[in-house]
Amino acid sequence: MTGCRISEEDARDSHFDGLTDAEERELALQAHIDRRETLKAYVAATQEKIDRLLKYANFSPDAEDIEAAEVLDGCIDFYIYKFILKDREVKNDYR
């Protein structure tokens, strides 16, 4: 208990969590950073596993494996366009 008083209006608000705007922004930023680090860790672990598998001549990825890799590659291309290339186009728009 923080000892803070909560207005009746806030008490009735189902979304009120007692956090200040600054605290909410800090939590959102930390969640953003955590998701980025989680993605980075999964990708690094996956790359290590693929490198390990490719050392074995008898490992032969099937069509579904290749298709899954293509889908992942396409998803990453989408985000590269959405966040990097599209941003450059806007910055270079000299109209």
PDB file of N, CA and C in Angstrom:
ATOM      1  N   MET A   1       0.835  -1.170   0.000  1.00  0.00           N
ATOM      2  CA  MET A   1       0.000   0.000   0.000  1.00  0.00           C
ATOM      3  C   MET A   1       0.884   1.238   0.000  1.00  0.00           C
ATOM      4  N   THR A   2       0.640   2.139  -0.926  1.00  0.00           N
ATOM      5  CA  THR A   2       1.467   3.335  -1.046  1.00  0.00           C
ATOM      6  C   THR A   2       0.992   4.471  -0.172  1.00  0.00           C
ATOM      7  N   GLY A   3      -0.211   4.395   0.352  1.00  0.00           N
ATOM      8  CA  GLY A   3      -0.739   5.466   1.162  1.00  0.00           C
ATOM      9  C   GLY A   3      -1.377   6.566   0.335  1.00  0.00           C
ATOM     10  N   CYS A   4      -1.377   6.428  -0.973  1.00  0.00           N
ATOM     11  CA  CYS A   4      -1.981   7.417  -1.866  1.00  0.00           C
ATOM     12  C   CYS A   4      -3.489   7.219  -1.889  1.00  0.00           C
ATOM     13  N   ARG A   5      -4.176   8.322  -2.016  1.00  0.00           N
ATOM     14  CA  ARG A   5      -5.627   8.250  -2.155  1.00  0.00           C
ATOM     15  C   ARG A   5      -5.973   8.133  -3.628  1.00  0.00           C
ATOM     16  N   ILE A   6      -6.970   7.351  -3.900  1.00  0.00           N
ATOM     17  CA  ILE A   6      -7.436   7.152  -5.271  1.00  0.00           C
ATOM     18  C   ILE A   6      -8.821   7.760  -5.380  1.00  0.00           C
ATOM     19  N   SER A   7      -9.017   8.554  -6.415  1.00  0.00           N
ATOM     20  CA  SER A   7     -10.324   9.179  -6.591  1.00  0.00           C
ATOM     21  C   SER A   7     -11.365   8.106  -6.874  1.00  0.00           C
ATOM     22  N   GLU A   8     -12.606   8.449  -6.592  1.00  0.00           N
ATOM     23  CA  GLU A   8     -13.694   7.505  -6.859  1.00  0.00           C
ATOM     24  C   GLU A   8     -13.774   7.170  -8.340  1.00  0.00           C
ATOM     25  N   GLU A   9     -13.509   8.180  -9.162  1.00  0.00           N
ATOM     26  CA  GLU A   9     -13.546   7.967 -10.621  1.00  0.00           C
ATOM     27  C   GLU A   9     -12.482   6.946 -11.033  1.00  0.00           C
ATOM     28  N   ASP A  10     -11.252   7.112 -10.517  1.00  0.00           N
ATOM     29  CA  ASP A  10     -10.181   6.164 -10.841  1.00  0.00           C
ATOM     30  C   ASP A  10     -10.477   4.781 -10.283  1.00  0.00           C
ATOM     31  N   ALA A  11     -11.057   4.734  -9.114  1.00  0.00           N
ATOM     32  CA  ALA A  11     -11.370   3.445  -8.492  1.00  0.00           C
ATOM     33  C   ALA A  11     -12.380   2.663  -9.326  1.00  0.00           C
ATOM     34  N   ARG A  12     -13.283   3.368 -10.012  1.00  0.00           N
ATOM     35  CA  ARG A  12     -14.282   2.697 -10.860  1.00  0.00           C
ATOM     36  C   ARG A  12     -13.725   2.333 -12.231  1.00  0.00           C
ATOM     37  N   ASP A  13     -12.601   2.944 -12.596  1.00  0.00           N
ATOM     38  CA  ASP A  13     -12.013   2.696 -13.912  1.00  0.00           C
ATOM     39  C   ASP A  13     -11.305   1.342 -13.900  1.00  0.00           C
ATOM     40  N   SER A  14     -11.781   0.407 -14.738  1.00  0.00           N
ATOM     41  CA  SER A  14     -11.201  -0.942 -14.748  1.00  0.00           C
ATOM     42  C   SER A  14      -9.767  -0.949 -15.282  1.00  0.00           C
ATOM     43  N   HIS A  15      -9.356   0.116 -15.984  1.00  0.00           N
ATOM     44  CA  HIS A  15      -8.002   0.179 -16.539  1.00  0.00           C
ATOM     45  C   HIS A  15      -7.022   0.919 -15.630  1.00  0.00           C
ATOM     46  N   PHE A  16      -7.518   1.493 -14.554  1.00  0.00           N
ATOM     47  CA  PHE A  16      -6.642   2.239 -13.653  1.00  0.00           C
ATOM     48  C   PHE A  16      -5.782   1.264 -12.866  1.00  0.00           C
ATOM     49  N   ASP A  17      -4.464   1.454 -12.959  1.00  0.00           N
ATOM     50  CA  ASP A  17      -3.551   0.544 -12.271  1.00  0.00           C
ATOM     51  C   ASP A  17      -2.718   1.241 -11.202  1.00  0.00           C
ATOM     52  N   GLY A  18      -2.980   2.522 -10.987  1.00  0.00           N
ATOM     53  CA  GLY A  18      -2.264   3.238  -9.945  1.00  0.00           C
ATOM     54  C   GLY A  18      -0.898   3.744 -10.351  1.00  0.00           C
ATOM     55  N   LEU A  19      -0.481   3.538 -11.604  1.00  0.00           N
ATOM     56  CA  LEU A  19       0.824   3.986 -12.066  1.00  0.00           C
ATOM     57  C   LEU A  19       0.723   5.385 -12.652  1.00  0.00           C
ATOM     58  N   THR A  20       1.797   6.132 -12.492  1.00  0.00           N
ATOM     59  CA  THR A  20       1.851   7.443 -13.127  1.00  0.00           C
ATOM     60  C   THR A  20       2.153   7.251 -14.608  1.00  0.00           C
ATOM     61  N   ASP A  21       1.952   8.299 -15.384  1.00  0.00           N
ATOM     62  CA  ASP A  21       2.269   8.225 -16.814  1.00  0.00           C
ATOM     63  C   ASP A  21       3.742   7.904 -17.036  1.00  0.00           C
ATOM     64  N   ALA A  22       4.607   8.491 -16.228  1.00  0.00           N
ATOM     65  CA  ALA A  22       6.046   8.232 -16.363  1.00  0.00           C
ATOM     66  C   ALA A  22       6.361   6.763 -16.065  1.00  0.00           C
ATOM     67  N   GLU A  23       5.712   6.213 -15.045  1.00  0.00           N
ATOM     68  CA  GLU A  23       5.937   4.801 -14.710  1.00  0.00           C
ATOM     69  C   GLU A  23       5.421   3.895 -15.829  1.00  0.00           C
ATOM     70  N   GLU A  24       4.273   4.245 -16.396  1.00  0.00           N
ATOM     71  CA  GLU A  24       3.741   3.460 -17.514  1.00  0.00           C
ATOM     72  C   GLU A  24       4.664   3.512 -18.712  1.00  0.00           C
ATOM     73  N   ARG A  25       5.216   4.706 -19.003  1.00  0.00           N
ATOM     74  CA  ARG A  25       6.160   4.832 -20.130  1.00  0.00           C
ATOM     75  C   ARG A  25       7.419   4.008 -19.876  1.00  0.00           C
ATOM     76  N   GLU A  26       7.901   4.026 -18.640  1.00  0.00           N
ATOM     77  CA  GLU A  26       9.095   3.249 -18.291  1.00  0.00           C
ATOM     78  C   GLU A  26       8.834   1.750 -18.448  1.00  0.00           C
ATOM     79  N   LEU A  27       7.684   1.290 -17.997  1.00  0.00           N
ATOM     80  CA  LEU A  27       7.330  -0.130 -18.155  1.00  0.00           C
ATOM     81  C   LEU A  27       7.192  -0.500 -19.632  1.00  0.00           C
ATOM     82  N   ALA A  28       6.587   0.381 -20.415  1.00  0.00           N
ATOM     83  CA  ALA A  28       6.432   0.117 -21.849  1.00  0.00           C
ATOM     84  C   ALA A  28       7.793   0.067 -22.529  1.00  0.00           C
ATOM     85  N   LEU A  29       8.690   0.982 -22.156  1.00  0.00           N
ATOM     86  CA  LEU A  29      10.033   0.987 -22.734  1.00  0.00           C
ATOM     87  C   LEU A  29      10.786  -0.291 -22.362  1.00  0.00           C
ATOM     88  N   GLN A  30      10.677  -0.707 -21.108  1.00  0.00           N
ATOM     89  CA  GLN A  30      11.368  -1.934 -20.686  1.00  0.00           C
ATOM     90  C   GLN A  30      10.808  -3.150 -21.407  1.00  0.00           C
ATOM     91  N   ALA A  31       9.489  -3.199 -21.596  1.00  0.00           N
ATOM     92  CA  ALA A  31       8.884  -4.315 -22.335  1.00  0.00           C
ATOM     93  C   ALA A  31       9.378  -4.320 -23.775  1.00  0.00           C
ATOM     94  N   HIS A  32       9.502  -3.147 -24.375  1.00  0.00           N
ATOM     95  CA  HIS A  32      10.018  -3.010 -25.744  1.00  0.00           C
ATOM     96  C   HIS A  32      11.448  -3.553 -25.829  1.00  0.00           C
ATOM     97  N   ILE A  33      12.278  -3.140 -24.887  1.00  0.00           N
ATOM     98  CA  ILE A  33      13.678  -3.596 -24.855  1.00  0.00           C
ATOM     99  C   ILE A  33      13.736  -5.107 -24.640  1.00  0.00           C
ATOM    100  N   ASP A  34      12.925  -5.621 -23.728  1.00  0.00           N
ATOM    101  CA  ASP A  34      12.905  -7.062 -23.446  1.00  0.00           C
ATOM    102  C   ASP A  34      12.514  -7.865 -24.678  1.00  0.00           C
ATOM    103  N   ARG A  35      11.501  -7.385 -25.436  1.00  0.00           N
ATOM    104  CA  ARG A  35      11.080  -8.105 -26.650  1.00  0.00           C
ATOM    105  C   ARG A  35      12.191  -8.112 -27.694  1.00  0.00           C
ATOM    106  N   ARG A  36      12.887  -7.001 -27.851  1.00  0.00           N
ATOM    107  CA  ARG A  36      14.005  -6.927 -28.801  1.00  0.00           C
ATOM    108  C   ARG A  36      15.121  -7.895 -28.406  1.00  0.00           C
ATOM    109  N   GLU A  37      15.451  -7.924 -27.119  1.00  0.00           N
ATOM    110  CA  GLU A  37      16.505  -8.819 -26.641  1.00  0.00           C
ATOM    111  C   GLU A  37      16.091 -10.282 -26.780  1.00  0.00           C
ATOM    112  N   THR A  38      14.820 -10.576 -26.557  1.00  0.00           N
ATOM    113  CA  THR A  38      14.329 -11.945 -26.716  1.00  0.00           C
ATOM    114  C   THR A  38      14.443 -12.383 -28.168  1.00  0.00           C
ATOM    115  N   LEU A  39      14.039 -11.515 -29.101  1.00  0.00           N
ATOM    116  CA  LEU A  39      14.154 -11.833 -30.526  1.00  0.00           C
ATOM    117  C   LEU A  39      15.610 -12.062 -30.900  1.00  0.00           C
ATOM    118  N   LYS A  40      16.482 -11.180 -30.425  1.00  0.00           N
ATOM    119  CA  LYS A  40      17.908 -11.308 -30.729  1.00  0.00           C
ATOM    120  C   LYS A  40      18.468 -12.634 -30.220  1.00  0.00           C
ATOM    121  N   ALA A  41      18.068 -13.035 -29.015  1.00  0.00           N
ATOM    122  CA  ALA A  41      18.542 -14.291 -28.440  1.00  0.00           C
ATOM    123  C   ALA A  41      18.044 -15.499 -29.227  1.00  0.00           C
ATOM    124  N   TYR A  42      16.765 -15.475 -29.630  1.00  0.00           N
ATOM    125  CA  TYR A  42      16.226 -16.586 -30.420  1.00  0.00           C
ATOM    126  C   TYR A  42      16.932 -16.699 -31.770  1.00  0.00           C
ATOM    127  N   VAL A  43      17.165 -15.576 -32.416  1.00  0.00           N
ATOM    128  CA  VAL A  43      17.821 -15.606 -33.723  1.00  0.00           C
ATOM    129  C   VAL A  43      19.254 -16.115 -33.592  1.00  0.00           C
ATOM    130  N   ALA A  44      19.967 -15.662 -32.582  1.00  0.00           N
ATOM    131  CA  ALA A  44      21.346 -16.120 -32.379  1.00  0.00           C
ATOM    132  C   ALA A  44      21.383 -17.621 -32.093  1.00  0.00           C
ATOM    133  N   ALA A  45      20.476 -18.094 -31.252  1.00  0.00           N
ATOM    134  CA  ALA A  45      20.433 -19.528 -30.937  1.00  0.00           C
ATOM    135  C   ALA A  45      20.082 -20.342 -32.177  1.00  0.00           C
ATOM    136  N   THR A  46      19.144 -19.837 -32.966  1.00  0.00           N
ATOM    137  CA  THR A  46      18.750 -20.533 -34.188  1.00  0.00           C
ATOM    138  C   THR A  46      19.919 -20.601 -35.168  1.00  0.00           C
ATOM    139  N   GLN A  47      20.641 -19.488 -35.315  1.00  0.00           N
ATOM    140  CA  GLN A  47      21.794 -19.482 -36.226  1.00  0.00           C
ATOM    141  C   GLN A  47      22.849 -20.496 -35.791  1.00  0.00           C
ATOM    142  N   GLU A  48      23.094 -20.575 -34.495  1.00  0.00           N
ATOM    143  CA  GLU A  48      24.054 -21.556 -33.981  1.00  0.00           C
ATOM    144  C   GLU A  48      23.608 -22.984 -34.292  1.00  0.00           C
ATOM    145  N   LYS A  49      22.313 -23.254 -34.122  1.00  0.00           N
ATOM    146  CA  LYS A  49      21.786 -24.597 -34.387  1.00  0.00           C
ATOM    147  C   LYS A  49      21.862 -24.932 -35.873  1.00  0.00           C
ATOM    148  N   ILE A  50      21.556 -23.981 -36.724  1.00  0.00           N
ATOM    149  CA  ILE A  50      21.631 -24.227 -38.164  1.00  0.00           C
ATOM    150  C   ILE A  50      23.070 -24.493 -38.572  1.00  0.00           C
ATOM    151  N   ASP A  51      23.991 -23.681 -38.073  1.00  0.00           N
ATOM    152  CA  ASP A  51      25.414 -23.895 -38.383  1.00  0.00           C
ATOM    153  C   ASP A  51      25.864 -25.280 -37.936  1.00  0.00           C
ATOM    154  N   ARG A  52      25.390 -25.696 -36.778  1.00  0.00           N
ATOM    155  CA  ARG A  52      25.754 -27.025 -36.258  1.00  0.00           C
ATOM    156  C   ARG A  52      25.203 -28.130 -37.161  1.00  0.00           C
ATOM    157  N   LEU A  53      23.940 -27.995 -37.586  1.00  0.00           N
ATOM    158  CA  LEU A  53      23.333 -28.994 -38.467  1.00  0.00           C
ATOM    159  C   LEU A  53      24.032 -29.061 -39.818  1.00  0.00           C
ATOM    160  N   LEU A  54      24.398 -27.906 -40.349  1.00  0.00           N
ATOM    161  CA  LEU A  54      25.014 -27.878 -41.680  1.00  0.00           C
ATOM    162  C   LEU A  54      26.413 -28.470 -41.710  1.00  0.00           C
ATOM    163  N   LYS A  55      27.011 -28.727 -40.551  1.00  0.00           N
ATOM    164  CA  LYS A  55      28.316 -29.383 -40.490  1.00  0.00           C
ATOM    165  C   LYS A  55      28.207 -30.870 -40.835  1.00  0.00           C
ATOM    166  N   TYR A  56      26.976 -31.405 -40.761  1.00  0.00           N
ATOM    167  CA  TYR A  56      26.763 -32.819 -41.032  1.00  0.00           C
ATOM    168  C   TYR A  56      26.270 -33.009 -42.456  1.00  0.00           C
ATOM    169  N   ALA A  57      27.030 -33.734 -43.243  1.00  0.00           N
ATOM    170  CA  ALA A  57      26.695 -33.942 -44.655  1.00  0.00           C
ATOM    171  C   ALA A  57      25.371 -34.677 -44.825  1.00  0.00           C
ATOM    172  N   ASN A  58      24.985 -35.495 -43.868  1.00  0.00           N
ATOM    173  CA  ASN A  58      23.744 -36.256 -44.018  1.00  0.00           C
ATOM    174  C   ASN A  58      22.495 -35.450 -43.641  1.00  0.00           C
ATOM    175  N   PHE A  59      22.686 -34.223 -43.143  1.00  0.00           N
ATOM    176  CA  PHE A  59      21.523 -33.360 -42.878  1.00  0.00           C
ATOM    177  C   PHE A  59      21.035 -32.801 -44.198  1.00  0.00           C
ATOM    178  N   SER A  60      19.784 -33.073 -44.493  1.00  0.00           N
ATOM    179  CA  SER A  60      19.199 -32.612 -45.746  1.00  0.00           C
ATOM    180  C   SER A  60      17.846 -31.962 -45.470  1.00  0.00           C
ATOM    181  N   PRO A  61      17.806 -30.632 -45.474  1.00  0.00           N
ATOM    182  CA  PRO A  61      16.527 -29.978 -45.219  1.00  0.00           C
ATOM    183  C   PRO A  61      15.519 -30.325 -46.309  1.00  0.00           C
ATOM    184  N   ASP A  62      14.275 -30.559 -45.906  1.00  0.00           N
ATOM    185  CA  ASP A  62      13.257 -30.883 -46.902  1.00  0.00           C
ATOM    186  C   ASP A  62      12.562 -29.599 -47.383  1.00  0.00           C
ATOM    187  N   ALA A  63      11.592 -29.773 -48.261  1.00  0.00           N
ATOM    188  CA  ALA A  63      10.905 -28.628 -48.861  1.00  0.00           C
ATOM    189  C   ALA A  63      10.214 -27.770 -47.802  1.00  0.00           C
ATOM    190  N   GLU A  64       9.652 -28.403 -46.767  1.00  0.00           N
ATOM    191  CA  GLU A  64       8.988 -27.640 -45.704  1.00  0.00           C
ATOM    192  C   GLU A  64       9.986 -26.794 -44.921  1.00  0.00           C
ATOM    193  N   ASP A  65      11.194 -27.325 -44.710  1.00  0.00           N
ATOM    194  CA  ASP A  65      12.235 -26.562 -44.019  1.00  0.00           C
ATOM    195  C   ASP A  65      12.608 -25.315 -44.826  1.00  0.00           C
ATOM    196  N   ILE A  66      12.781 -25.501 -46.119  1.00  0.00           N
ATOM    197  CA  ILE A  66      13.131 -24.391 -47.001  1.00  0.00           C
ATOM    198  C   ILE A  66      11.986 -23.374 -47.034  1.00  0.00           C
ATOM    199  N   GLU A  67      10.759 -23.853 -47.116  1.00  0.00           N
ATOM    200  CA  GLU A  67       9.601 -22.958 -47.141  1.00  0.00           C
ATOM    201  C   GLU A  67       9.506 -22.152 -45.846  1.00  0.00           C
ATOM    202  N   ALA A  68       9.758 -22.801 -44.713  1.00  0.00           N
ATOM    203  CA  ALA A  68       9.719 -22.088 -43.433  1.00  0.00           C
ATOM    204  C   ALA A  68      10.784 -21.000 -43.395  1.00  0.00           C
ATOM    205  N   ALA A  69      11.970 -21.297 -43.918  1.00  0.00           N
ATOM    206  CA  ALA A  69      13.036 -20.302 -43.965  1.00  0.00           C
ATOM    207  C   ALA A  69      12.655 -19.144 -44.891  1.00  0.00           C
ATOM    208  N   GLU A  70      11.995 -19.464 -46.015  1.00  0.00           N
ATOM    209  CA  GLU A  70      11.549 -18.417 -46.938  1.00  0.00           C
ATOM    210  C   GLU A  70      10.502 -17.512 -46.285  1.00  0.00           C
ATOM    211  N   VAL A  71       9.584 -18.108 -45.532  1.00  0.00           N
ATOM    212  CA  VAL A  71       8.554 -17.317 -44.849  1.00  0.00           C
ATOM    213  C   VAL A  71       9.203 -16.378 -43.834  1.00  0.00           C
ATOM    214  N   LEU A  72      10.133 -16.902 -43.049  1.00  0.00           N
ATOM    215  CA  LEU A  72      10.823 -16.064 -42.070  1.00  0.00           C
ATOM    216  C   LEU A  72      11.578 -14.940 -42.774  1.00  0.00           C
ATOM    217  N   ASP A  73      12.273 -15.265 -43.853  1.00  0.00           N
ATOM    218  CA  ASP A  73      13.010 -14.263 -44.615  1.00  0.00           C
ATOM    219  C   ASP A  73      12.067 -13.190 -45.156  1.00  0.00           C
ATOM    220  N   GLY A  74      10.911 -13.612 -45.649  1.00  0.00           N
ATOM    221  CA  GLY A  74       9.926 -12.659 -46.155  1.00  0.00           C
ATOM    222  C   GLY A  74       9.390 -11.748 -45.060  1.00  0.00           C
ATOM    223  N   CYS A  75       9.171 -12.309 -43.879  1.00  0.00           N
ATOM    224  CA  CYS A  75       8.696 -11.495 -42.751  1.00  0.00           C
ATOM    225  C   CYS A  75       9.741 -10.439 -42.375  1.00  0.00           C
ATOM    226  N   ILE A  76      10.983 -10.839 -42.341  1.00  0.00           N
ATOM    227  CA  ILE A  76      12.054  -9.898 -42.003  1.00  0.00           C
ATOM    228  C   ILE A  76      12.162  -8.821 -43.084  1.00  0.00           C
ATOM    229  N   ASP A  77      12.026  -9.218 -44.364  1.00  0.00           N
ATOM    230  CA  ASP A  77      12.022  -8.226 -45.449  1.00  0.00           C
ATOM    231  C   ASP A  77      10.905  -7.212 -45.265  1.00  0.00           C
ATOM    232  N   PHE A  78       9.728  -7.690 -44.853  1.00  0.00           N
ATOM    233  CA  PHE A  78       8.595  -6.795 -44.615  1.00  0.00           C
ATOM    234  C   PHE A  78       8.957  -5.738 -43.580  1.00  0.00           C
ATOM    235  N   TYR A  79       9.559  -6.166 -42.454  1.00  0.00           N
ATOM    236  CA  TYR A  79       9.900  -5.220 -41.402  1.00  0.00           C
ATOM    237  C   TYR A  79      11.034  -4.290 -41.812  1.00  0.00           C
ATOM    238  N   ILE A  80      11.974  -4.793 -42.600  1.00  0.00           N
ATOM    239  CA  ILE A  80      13.037  -3.917 -43.106  1.00  0.00           C
ATOM    240  C   ILE A  80      12.426  -2.814 -43.956  1.00  0.00           C
ATOM    241  N   TYR A  81      11.495  -3.173 -44.828  1.00  0.00           N
ATOM    242  CA  TYR A  81      10.844  -2.142 -45.644  1.00  0.00           C
ATOM    243  C   TYR A  81      10.045  -1.200 -44.759  1.00  0.00           C
ATOM    244  N   LYS A  82       9.261  -1.762 -43.851  1.00  0.00           N
ATOM    245  CA  LYS A  82       8.361  -0.956 -43.023  1.00  0.00           C
ATOM    246  C   LYS A  82       9.120   0.036 -42.150  1.00  0.00           C
ATOM    247  N   PHE A  83      10.210  -0.385 -41.529  1.00  0.00           N
ATOM    248  CA  PHE A  83      10.889   0.464 -40.557  1.00  0.00           C
ATOM    249  C   PHE A  83      12.142   1.159 -41.072  1.00  0.00           C
ATOM    250  N   ILE A  84      12.763   0.631 -42.107  1.00  0.00           N
ATOM    251  CA  ILE A  84      14.025   1.217 -42.548  1.00  0.00           C
ATOM    252  C   ILE A  84      13.868   1.891 -43.912  1.00  0.00           C
ATOM    253  N   LEU A  85      13.512   1.133 -44.911  1.00  0.00           N
ATOM    254  CA  LEU A  85      13.465   1.683 -46.261  1.00  0.00           C
ATOM    255  C   LEU A  85      12.365   2.721 -46.420  1.00  0.00           C
ATOM    256  N   LYS A  86      11.195   2.467 -45.858  1.00  0.00           N
ATOM    257  CA  LYS A  86      10.097   3.410 -45.966  1.00  0.00           C
ATOM    258  C   LYS A  86      10.463   4.720 -45.281  1.00  0.00           C
ATOM    259  N   ASP A  87      11.146   4.647 -44.138  1.00  0.00           N
ATOM    260  CA  ASP A  87      11.582   5.833 -43.416  1.00  0.00           C
ATOM    261  C   ASP A  87      12.562   6.635 -44.263  1.00  0.00           C
ATOM    262  N   ARG A  88      13.454   5.972 -44.970  1.00  0.00           N
ATOM    263  CA  ARG A  88      14.404   6.665 -45.842  1.00  0.00           C
ATOM    264  C   ARG A  88      13.683   7.353 -46.986  1.00  0.00           C
ATOM    265  N   GLU A  89      12.642   6.706 -47.535  1.00  0.00           N
ATOM    266  CA  GLU A  89      11.883   7.308 -48.624  1.00  0.00           C
ATOM    267  C   GLU A  89      11.231   8.596 -48.164  1.00  0.00           C
ATOM    268  N   VAL A  90      10.695   8.605 -46.960  1.00  0.00           N
ATOM    269  CA  VAL A  90      10.045   9.811 -46.442  1.00  0.00           C
ATOM    270  C   VAL A  90      11.073  10.920 -46.243  1.00  0.00           C
ATOM    271  N   LYS A  91      12.237  10.577 -45.704  1.00  0.00           N
ATOM    272  CA  LYS A  91      13.285  11.572 -45.473  1.00  0.00           C
ATOM    273  C   LYS A  91      13.840  12.127 -46.783  1.00  0.00           C
ATOM    274  N   ASN A  92      13.829  11.315 -47.841  1.00  0.00           N
ATOM    275  CA  ASN A  92      14.382  11.738 -49.127  1.00  0.00           C
ATOM    276  C   ASN A  92      13.325  12.301 -50.068  1.00  0.00           C
ATOM    277  N   ASP A  93      12.137  12.541 -49.581  1.00  0.00           N
ATOM    278  CA  ASP A  93      11.047  13.072 -50.415  1.00  0.00           C
ATOM    279  C   ASP A  93      11.232  14.586 -50.522  1.00  0.00           C
ATOM    280  N   TYR A  94      11.653  15.046 -51.697  1.00  0.00           N
ATOM    281  CA  TYR A  94      11.949  16.458 -51.899  1.00  0.00           C
ATOM    282  C   TYR A  94      10.851  17.229 -52.584  1.00  0.00           C
ATOM    283  N   ARG A  95       9.611  16.749 -52.516  1.00  0.00           N
ATOM    284  CA  ARG A  95       8.513  17.449 -53.196  1.00  0.00           C
ATOM    285  C   ARG A  95       8.254  18.809 -52.619  1.00  0.00           C
TER     286      ARG A  95
END
